[in-house]
Amino acid sequence: MRHLEGVTVFVPVYNEEALLVPNGLRLQAFLEDLGRPYEIIIGSNGSTDGTVRQARELCRQDSRFRLFHLPRKGVGKAFKNGIRISRYDRIVTVDMDLSIHLGFVEEACLLLDRYDMVIGSKITGTQDRAWIRRLASISFIRLAGILLRIHYHDYSIAAKGYRKDMVEGYLPFLDDHTFYVVQIVYRANREKKKITEIPVACTDLRGSRFNLIHEGIYKYANLFSLWLSGLKKQQ
């Protein structure tokens, strides 16, 4: 029987006390069925509700749950910490609402045998989301493709798979907030790493955890900054 390598599932959380226990156990049950070693790292960044207390209880019940808490909100910073402490070379990111079909986790684990990064794409798959969020995503993706010459379709936090040995080298260059996925894809594409993109099914009907106007300004500012830095290196 083939030995299956382990997987780290990283879940960044911010005030998720309503979802953490039921969805944490649902995720664990899915991973149990895969038949490979696993760990679930819960990365709290700035949580002020009962998220940390509930996560600690999950860790007490099963050591395959792991937790860290950062006092300030910053999902990119949490991601970097999760990568550093991960036990396995296959790392898959999901959101605590499990809005992406969990089949992505299994598919990403298999693809990471051959690829350095796996991108789960709602655009090429199916998505049940508010129209304003879909429009904002498409606009950003198209501009990123033009400026950075990276022609993928999803730079959100969830539904991404990484080889640890690849992404570790990028950690010093990554943003502390939500732009870090774009930075990883940009660097990996430029260095001709093996990247694949697969369609995923997404059902996300709850409101955004971010202020969409502030998030838009932040992301577009970082996009233009990354583009300009690339131009300077070409000169």
C-alpha atoms as a PDB file:
ATOM      1  CA  MET A   1       0.000   0.000   0.000  1.00  0.00           C
ATOM      2  CA  ARG A   2       1.352   3.420  -0.976  1.00  0.00           C
ATOM      3  CA  HIS A   3       2.430   5.641   1.907  1.00  0.00           C
ATOM      4  CA  LEU A   4       0.617   8.967   1.808  1.00  0.00           C
ATOM      5  CA  GLU A   5       2.578  12.027   2.872  1.00  0.00           C
ATOM      6  CA  GLY A   6       1.108  14.341   5.477  1.00  0.00           C
ATOM      7  CA  VAL A   7      -0.697  17.634   4.935  1.00  0.00           C
ATOM      8  CA  THR A   8      -0.916  20.822   6.954  1.00  0.00           C
ATOM      9  CA  VAL A   9      -4.251  22.605   6.621  1.00  0.00           C
ATOM     10  CA  PHE A  10      -3.892  26.224   7.637  1.00  0.00           C
ATOM     11  CA  VAL A  11      -7.022  28.120   8.684  1.00  0.00           C
ATOM     12  CA  PRO A  12      -6.667  31.849   9.417  1.00  0.00           C
ATOM     13  CA  VAL A  13      -9.410  33.077  11.745  1.00  0.00           C
ATOM     14  CA  TYR A  14     -10.747  36.386  12.977  1.00  0.00           C
ATOM     15  CA  ASN A  15     -13.702  36.308  15.410  1.00  0.00           C
ATOM     16  CA  GLU A  16     -15.083  32.956  14.266  1.00  0.00           C
ATOM     17  CA  GLU A  17     -16.532  31.648  17.536  1.00  0.00           C
ATOM     18  CA  ALA A  18     -19.833  30.733  15.871  1.00  0.00           C
ATOM     19  CA  LEU A  19     -18.170  28.489  13.281  1.00  0.00           C
ATOM     20  CA  LEU A  20     -14.926  27.297  14.779  1.00  0.00           C
ATOM     21  CA  VAL A  21     -15.985  24.137  16.597  1.00  0.00           C
ATOM     22  CA  PRO A  22     -18.552  22.697  14.141  1.00  0.00           C
ATOM     23  CA  ASN A  23     -16.478  23.522  11.063  1.00  0.00           C
ATOM     24  CA  GLY A  24     -13.227  22.505  12.727  1.00  0.00           C
ATOM     25  CA  LEU A  25     -14.700  19.070  13.470  1.00  0.00           C
ATOM     26  CA  ARG A  26     -16.175  18.846   9.975  1.00  0.00           C
ATOM     27  CA  LEU A  27     -12.750  19.576   8.489  1.00  0.00           C
ATOM     28  CA  GLN A  28     -11.134  17.017  10.758  1.00  0.00           C
ATOM     29  CA  ALA A  29     -13.652  14.334   9.749  1.00  0.00           C
ATOM     30  CA  PHE A  30     -12.880  15.000   6.094  1.00  0.00           C
ATOM     31  CA  LEU A  31      -9.134  14.726   6.702  1.00  0.00           C
ATOM     32  CA  GLU A  32      -9.606  11.479   8.614  1.00  0.00           C
ATOM     33  CA  ASP A  33     -11.217   9.963   5.538  1.00  0.00           C
ATOM     34  CA  LEU A  34      -8.205  10.871   3.381  1.00  0.00           C
ATOM     35  CA  GLY A  35      -6.075   8.372   5.279  1.00  0.00           C
ATOM     36  CA  ARG A  36      -2.943  10.518   5.406  1.00  0.00           C
ATOM     37  CA  PRO A  37      -1.219  12.193   8.386  1.00  0.00           C
ATOM     38  CA  TYR A  38      -2.478  15.721   8.963  1.00  0.00           C
ATOM     39  CA  GLU A  39      -2.541  18.720  11.231  1.00  0.00           C
ATOM     40  CA  ILE A  40      -4.930  21.675  11.356  1.00  0.00           C
ATOM     41  CA  ILE A  41      -3.257  24.956  12.284  1.00  0.00           C
ATOM     42  CA  ILE A  42      -5.693  27.635  13.450  1.00  0.00           C
ATOM     43  CA  GLY A  43      -4.095  31.063  13.106  1.00  0.00           C
ATOM     44  CA  SER A  44      -6.029  33.660  15.072  1.00  0.00           C
ATOM     45  CA  ASN A  45      -5.149  37.201  14.088  1.00  0.00           C
ATOM     46  CA  GLY A  46      -6.752  39.892  16.208  1.00  0.00           C
ATOM     47  CA  SER A  47      -9.691  37.802  17.460  1.00  0.00           C
ATOM     48  CA  THR A  48     -11.488  39.397  20.402  1.00  0.00           C
ATOM     49  CA  ASP A  49     -14.394  36.970  20.903  1.00  0.00           C
ATOM     50  CA  GLY A  50     -14.344  33.351  22.082  1.00  0.00           C
ATOM     51  CA  THR A  51     -12.372  32.074  19.081  1.00  0.00           C
ATOM     52  CA  VAL A  52      -9.113  31.446  20.936  1.00  0.00           C
ATOM     53  CA  ARG A  53     -10.811  29.783  23.904  1.00  0.00           C
ATOM     54  CA  GLN A  54     -12.715  27.404  21.637  1.00  0.00           C
ATOM     55  CA  ALA A  55      -9.628  26.630  19.567  1.00  0.00           C
ATOM     56  CA  ARG A  56      -7.687  25.804  22.719  1.00  0.00           C
ATOM     57  CA  GLU A  57     -10.372  23.296  23.658  1.00  0.00           C
ATOM     58  CA  LEU A  58     -10.061  21.597  20.247  1.00  0.00           C
ATOM     59  CA  CYS A  59      -6.286  21.423  20.744  1.00  0.00           C
ATOM     60  CA  ARG A  60      -6.778  19.917  24.192  1.00  0.00           C
ATOM     61  CA  GLN A  61      -9.012  17.208  22.762  1.00  0.00           C
ATOM     62  CA  ASP A  62      -6.733  16.351  19.813  1.00  0.00           C
ATOM     63  CA  SER A  63      -3.082  17.347  19.348  1.00  0.00           C
ATOM     64  CA  ARG A  64      -3.540  17.435  15.579  1.00  0.00           C
ATOM     65  CA  PHE A  65      -5.264  20.764  16.132  1.00  0.00           C
ATOM     66  CA  ARG A  66      -2.701  23.499  16.720  1.00  0.00           C
ATOM     67  CA  LEU A  67      -3.287  27.141  17.597  1.00  0.00           C
ATOM     68  CA  PHE A  68      -1.463  30.430  17.674  1.00  0.00           C
ATOM     69  CA  HIS A  69      -2.875  33.864  18.398  1.00  0.00           C
ATOM     70  CA  LEU A  70      -1.552  37.183  17.110  1.00  0.00           C
ATOM     71  CA  PRO A  71      -2.838  40.274  18.939  1.00  0.00           C
ATOM     72  CA  ARG A  72      -3.343  42.292  15.745  1.00  0.00           C
ATOM     73  CA  LYS A  73      -5.395  41.544  12.662  1.00  0.00           C
ATOM     74  CA  GLY A  74      -3.195  40.561   9.733  1.00  0.00           C
ATOM     75  CA  VAL A  75      -3.928  37.433   7.733  1.00  0.00           C
ATOM     76  CA  GLY A  76      -0.654  37.622   5.817  1.00  0.00           C
ATOM     77  CA  LYS A  77       1.313  37.722   9.029  1.00  0.00           C
ATOM     78  CA  ALA A  78      -0.690  34.753  10.310  1.00  0.00           C
ATOM     79  CA  PHE A  79       0.018  32.876   7.068  1.00  0.00           C
ATOM     80  CA  LYS A  80       3.756  33.425   7.428  1.00  0.00           C
ATOM     81  CA  ASN A  81       3.697  32.140  10.990  1.00  0.00           C
ATOM     82  CA  GLY A  82       1.625  29.129   9.948  1.00  0.00           C
ATOM     83  CA  ILE A  83       4.137  28.250   7.236  1.00  0.00           C
ATOM     84  CA  ARG A  84       7.063  28.497   9.634  1.00  0.00           C
ATOM     85  CA  ILE A  85       5.573  26.153  12.231  1.00  0.00           C
ATOM     86  CA  SER A  86       3.969  23.648   9.830  1.00  0.00           C
ATOM     87  CA  ARG A  87       5.079  20.040  10.192  1.00  0.00           C
ATOM     88  CA  TYR A  88       4.396  18.898   6.637  1.00  0.00           C
ATOM     89  CA  ASP A  89       5.651  19.952   3.229  1.00  0.00           C
ATOM     90  CA  ARG A  90       2.159  20.037   1.719  1.00  0.00           C
ATOM     91  CA  ILE A  91       0.235  23.064   2.963  1.00  0.00           C
ATOM     92  CA  VAL A  92      -3.376  23.818   2.006  1.00  0.00           C
ATOM     93  CA  THR A  93      -5.259  26.944   3.078  1.00  0.00           C
ATOM     94  CA  VAL A  94      -9.003  27.092   3.717  1.00  0.00           C
ATOM     95  CA  ASP A  95     -11.336  29.620   5.335  1.00  0.00           C
ATOM     96  CA  MET A  96     -13.138  28.783   8.575  1.00  0.00           C
ATOM     97  CA  ASP A  97     -16.525  29.057   6.877  1.00  0.00           C
ATOM     98  CA  LEU A  98     -15.453  26.185   4.571  1.00  0.00           C
ATOM     99  CA  SER A  99     -17.041  28.040   1.674  1.00  0.00           C
ATOM    100  CA  ILE A 100     -14.863  26.112  -0.803  1.00  0.00           C
ATOM    101  CA  HIS A 101     -15.841  22.477  -1.364  1.00  0.00           C
ATOM    102  CA  LEU A 102     -13.456  20.356   0.709  1.00  0.00           C
ATOM    103  CA  GLY A 103     -12.669  18.138  -2.256  1.00  0.00           C
ATOM    104  CA  PHE A 104     -10.079  20.777  -3.110  1.00  0.00           C
ATOM    105  CA  VAL A 105      -7.959  19.662  -0.158  1.00  0.00           C
ATOM    106  CA  GLU A 106      -7.688  16.118  -1.463  1.00  0.00           C
ATOM    107  CA  GLU A 107      -7.031  17.208  -5.040  1.00  0.00           C
ATOM    108  CA  ALA A 108      -4.391  19.707  -3.957  1.00  0.00           C
ATOM    109  CA  CYS A 109      -2.561  17.059  -1.913  1.00  0.00           C
ATOM    110  CA  LEU A 110      -2.295  14.849  -4.999  1.00  0.00           C
ATOM    111  CA  LEU A 111      -1.258  17.681  -7.310  1.00  0.00           C
ATOM    112  CA  LEU A 112       1.457  18.859  -4.912  1.00  0.00           C
ATOM    113  CA  ASP A 113       3.330  15.666  -5.806  1.00  0.00           C
ATOM    114  CA  ARG A 114       4.048  17.353  -9.155  1.00  0.00           C
ATOM    115  CA  TYR A 115       3.482  21.077  -8.630  1.00  0.00           C
ATOM    116  CA  ASP A 116       4.882  23.764  -6.352  1.00  0.00           C
ATOM    117  CA  MET A 117       1.553  25.584  -6.037  1.00  0.00           C
ATOM    118  CA  VAL A 118      -2.092  24.756  -6.660  1.00  0.00           C
ATOM    119  CA  ILE A 119      -4.604  27.574  -7.212  1.00  0.00           C
ATOM    120  CA  GLY A 120      -8.269  26.833  -6.612  1.00  0.00           C
ATOM    121  CA  SER A 121     -10.301  29.112  -8.863  1.00  0.00           C
ATOM    122  CA  LYS A 122     -13.890  30.173  -8.221  1.00  0.00           C
ATOM    123  CA  ILE A 123     -13.929  32.020 -11.551  1.00  0.00           C
ATOM    124  CA  THR A 124     -13.320  28.901 -13.625  1.00  0.00           C
ATOM    125  CA  GLY A 125     -15.435  26.791 -11.261  1.00  0.00           C
ATOM    126  CA  THR A 126     -18.772  27.722  -9.724  1.00  0.00           C
ATOM    127  CA  GLN A 127     -19.548  30.407  -7.181  1.00  0.00           C
ATOM    128  CA  ASP A 128     -22.565  31.505  -5.236  1.00  0.00           C
ATOM    129  CA  ARG A 129     -21.480  34.916  -3.939  1.00  0.00           C
ATOM    130  CA  ALA A 130     -22.792  38.471  -3.889  1.00  0.00           C
ATOM    131  CA  TRP A 131     -22.520  40.111  -7.311  1.00  0.00           C
ATOM    132  CA  ILE A 132     -20.520  43.064  -5.961  1.00  0.00           C
ATOM    133  CA  ARG A 133     -17.813  40.753  -4.633  1.00  0.00           C
ATOM    134  CA  ARG A 134     -17.700  38.840  -7.909  1.00  0.00           C
ATOM    135  CA  LEU A 135     -17.373  42.058  -9.894  1.00  0.00           C
ATOM    136  CA  ALA A 136     -14.613  43.373  -7.630  1.00  0.00           C
ATOM    137  CA  SER A 137     -12.680  40.109  -7.970  1.00  0.00           C
ATOM    138  CA  ILE A 138     -12.929  39.978 -11.754  1.00  0.00           C
ATOM    139  CA  SER A 139     -11.808  43.609 -12.144  1.00  0.00           C
ATOM    140  CA  PHE A 140      -8.769  43.079  -9.944  1.00  0.00           C
ATOM    141  CA  ILE A 141      -7.820  39.792 -11.600  1.00  0.00           C
ATOM    142  CA  ARG A 142      -7.934  41.286 -15.091  1.00  0.00           C
ATOM    143  CA  LEU A 143      -5.768  44.254 -14.134  1.00  0.00           C
ATOM    144  CA  ALA A 144      -3.278  41.985 -12.331  1.00  0.00           C
ATOM    145  CA  GLY A 145      -3.005  39.907 -15.490  1.00  0.00           C
ATOM    146  CA  ILE A 146      -2.254  42.976 -17.607  1.00  0.00           C
ATOM    147  CA  LEU A 147       0.246  44.599 -15.243  1.00  0.00           C
ATOM    148  CA  LEU A 148       2.023  41.575 -13.791  1.00  0.00           C
ATOM    149  CA  ARG A 149       1.542  39.109 -16.659  1.00  0.00           C
ATOM    150  CA  ILE A 150       0.195  36.458 -14.329  1.00  0.00           C
ATOM    151  CA  HIS A 151      -2.778  34.878 -15.997  1.00  0.00           C
ATOM    152  CA  TYR A 152      -4.544  33.050 -13.206  1.00  0.00           C
ATOM    153  CA  HIS A 153      -8.068  33.605 -11.972  1.00  0.00           C
ATOM    154  CA  ASP A 154      -8.117  33.625  -8.163  1.00  0.00           C
ATOM    155  CA  TYR A 155      -5.880  35.389  -5.630  1.00  0.00           C
ATOM    156  CA  SER A 156      -8.062  34.921  -2.565  1.00  0.00           C
ATOM    157  CA  ILE A 157      -6.720  33.365   0.621  1.00  0.00           C
ATOM    158  CA  ALA A 158      -8.663  30.102   0.590  1.00  0.00           C
ATOM    159  CA  ALA A 159      -8.232  27.129  -1.741  1.00  0.00           C
ATOM    160  CA  LYS A 160      -4.499  27.404  -2.268  1.00  0.00           C
ATOM    161  CA  GLY A 161      -1.916  24.652  -1.987  1.00  0.00           C
ATOM    162  CA  TYR A 162       1.809  25.186  -1.477  1.00  0.00           C
ATOM    163  CA  ARG A 163       4.981  23.192  -1.229  1.00  0.00           C
ATOM    164  CA  LYS A 164       6.628  24.434   1.928  1.00  0.00           C
ATOM    165  CA  ASP A 165      10.113  24.362   0.436  1.00  0.00           C
ATOM    166  CA  MET A 166       8.976  26.820  -2.239  1.00  0.00           C
ATOM    167  CA  VAL A 167       6.950  29.284  -0.215  1.00  0.00           C
ATOM    168  CA  GLU A 168       9.423  29.506   2.680  1.00  0.00           C
ATOM    169  CA  GLY A 169      11.829  31.409   0.464  1.00  0.00           C
ATOM    170  CA  TYR A 170       9.219  34.082  -0.204  1.00  0.00           C
ATOM    171  CA  LEU A 171       8.228  34.794   3.398  1.00  0.00           C
ATOM    172  CA  PRO A 172      10.522  37.832   3.907  1.00  0.00           C
ATOM    173  CA  PHE A 173       8.878  39.545   0.916  1.00  0.00           C
ATOM    174  CA  LEU A 174       5.228  38.964   1.792  1.00  0.00           C
ATOM    175  CA  ASP A 175       2.697  41.531   2.953  1.00  0.00           C
ATOM    176  CA  ASP A 176       1.139  41.178   6.423  1.00  0.00           C
ATOM    177  CA  HIS A 177      -2.417  41.505   5.098  1.00  0.00           C
ATOM    178  CA  THR A 178      -4.389  40.082   2.151  1.00  0.00           C
ATOM    179  CA  PHE A 179      -2.066  40.848  -0.776  1.00  0.00           C
ATOM    180  CA  TYR A 180       0.384  38.048  -0.028  1.00  0.00           C
ATOM    181  CA  VAL A 181      -1.181  35.525  -2.428  1.00  0.00           C
ATOM    182  CA  VAL A 182      -0.575  37.859  -5.385  1.00  0.00           C
ATOM    183  CA  GLN A 183       3.034  38.302  -4.279  1.00  0.00           C
ATOM    184  CA  ILE A 184       3.571  34.531  -4.075  1.00  0.00           C
ATOM    185  CA  VAL A 185       2.060  33.898  -7.496  1.00  0.00           C
ATOM    186  CA  TYR A 186       4.039  36.770  -9.044  1.00  0.00           C
ATOM    187  CA  ARG A 187       7.365  35.523  -7.686  1.00  0.00           C
ATOM    188  CA  ALA A 188       6.647  31.867  -8.405  1.00  0.00           C
ATOM    189  CA  ASN A 189       5.572  32.655 -11.972  1.00  0.00           C
ATOM    190  CA  ARG A 190       8.655  34.824 -12.542  1.00  0.00           C
ATOM    191  CA  GLU A 191      10.908  32.032 -11.260  1.00  0.00           C
ATOM    192  CA  LYS A 192       9.123  29.481 -13.447  1.00  0.00           C
ATOM    193  CA  LYS A 193       7.884  27.365 -10.574  1.00  0.00           C
ATOM    194  CA  LYS A 194       5.326  24.705 -11.393  1.00  0.00           C
ATOM    195  CA  ILE A 195       1.865  26.206 -10.839  1.00  0.00           C
ATOM    196  CA  THR A 196      -1.466  24.670 -11.737  1.00  0.00           C
ATOM    197  CA  GLU A 197      -4.992  26.059 -11.456  1.00  0.00           C
ATOM    198  CA  ILE A 198      -8.112  23.972 -10.975  1.00  0.00           C
ATOM    199  CA  PRO A 199     -11.805  24.921 -10.727  1.00  0.00           C
ATOM    200  CA  VAL A 200     -13.493  24.863  -7.321  1.00  0.00           C
ATOM    201  CA  ALA A 201     -17.066  25.173  -6.102  1.00  0.00           C
ATOM    202  CA  CYS A 202     -17.701  28.083  -3.727  1.00  0.00           C
ATOM    203  CA  THR A 203     -20.774  28.945  -1.676  1.00  0.00           C
ATOM    204  CA  ASP A 204     -20.208  32.137   0.290  1.00  0.00           C
ATOM    205  CA  LEU A 205     -23.343  34.067   1.187  1.00  0.00           C
ATOM    206  CA  ARG A 206     -22.220  35.761   4.379  1.00  0.00           C
ATOM    207  CA  GLY A 207     -20.962  39.325   4.302  1.00  0.00           C
ATOM    208  CA  SER A 208     -17.324  40.145   3.694  1.00  0.00           C
ATOM    209  CA  ARG A 209     -15.079  40.312   6.765  1.00  0.00           C
ATOM    210  CA  PHE A 210     -13.333  43.315   5.196  1.00  0.00           C
ATOM    211  CA  ASN A 211     -14.408  46.854   4.351  1.00  0.00           C
ATOM    212  CA  LEU A 212     -14.655  46.515   0.566  1.00  0.00           C
ATOM    213  CA  ILE A 213     -13.692  50.130  -0.161  1.00  0.00           C
ATOM    214  CA  HIS A 214     -10.638  50.072   2.090  1.00  0.00           C
ATOM    215  CA  GLU A 215      -9.699  46.615   0.829  1.00  0.00           C
ATOM    216  CA  GLY A 216      -9.981  47.796  -2.779  1.00  0.00           C
ATOM    217  CA  ILE A 217      -7.735  50.827  -2.199  1.00  0.00           C
ATOM    218  CA  TYR A 218      -5.193  48.693  -0.355  1.00  0.00           C
ATOM    219  CA  LYS A 219      -5.063  45.977  -3.014  1.00  0.00           C
ATOM    220  CA  TYR A 220      -4.862  48.294  -6.003  1.00  0.00           C
ATOM    221  CA  ALA A 221      -2.156  50.361  -4.301  1.00  0.00           C
ATOM    222  CA  ASN A 222      -0.107  47.224  -3.683  1.00  0.00           C
ATOM    223  CA  LEU A 223      -0.744  45.995  -7.218  1.00  0.00           C
ATOM    224  CA  PHE A 224       0.625  49.180  -8.773  1.00  0.00           C
ATOM    225  CA  SER A 225       3.555  49.152  -6.335  1.00  0.00           C
ATOM    226  CA  LEU A 226       4.465  45.589  -7.337  1.00  0.00           C
ATOM    227  CA  TRP A 227       4.157  46.489 -11.017  1.00  0.00           C
ATOM    228  CA  LEU A 228       6.422  49.524 -10.620  1.00  0.00           C
ATOM    229  CA  SER A 229       9.023  47.523  -8.722  1.00  0.00           C
ATOM    230  CA  GLY A 230       9.052  45.024 -11.586  1.00  0.00           C
ATOM    231  CA  LEU A 231       9.578  47.807 -14.123  1.00  0.00           C
ATOM    232  CA  LYS A 232      12.544  49.162 -12.158  1.00  0.00           C
ATOM    233  CA  LYS A 233      14.212  45.736 -12.135  1.00  0.00           C
ATOM    234  CA  GLN A 234      13.891  45.560 -15.926  1.00  0.00           C
ATOM    235  CA  GLN A 235      15.684  48.872 -16.415  1.00  0.00           C
END
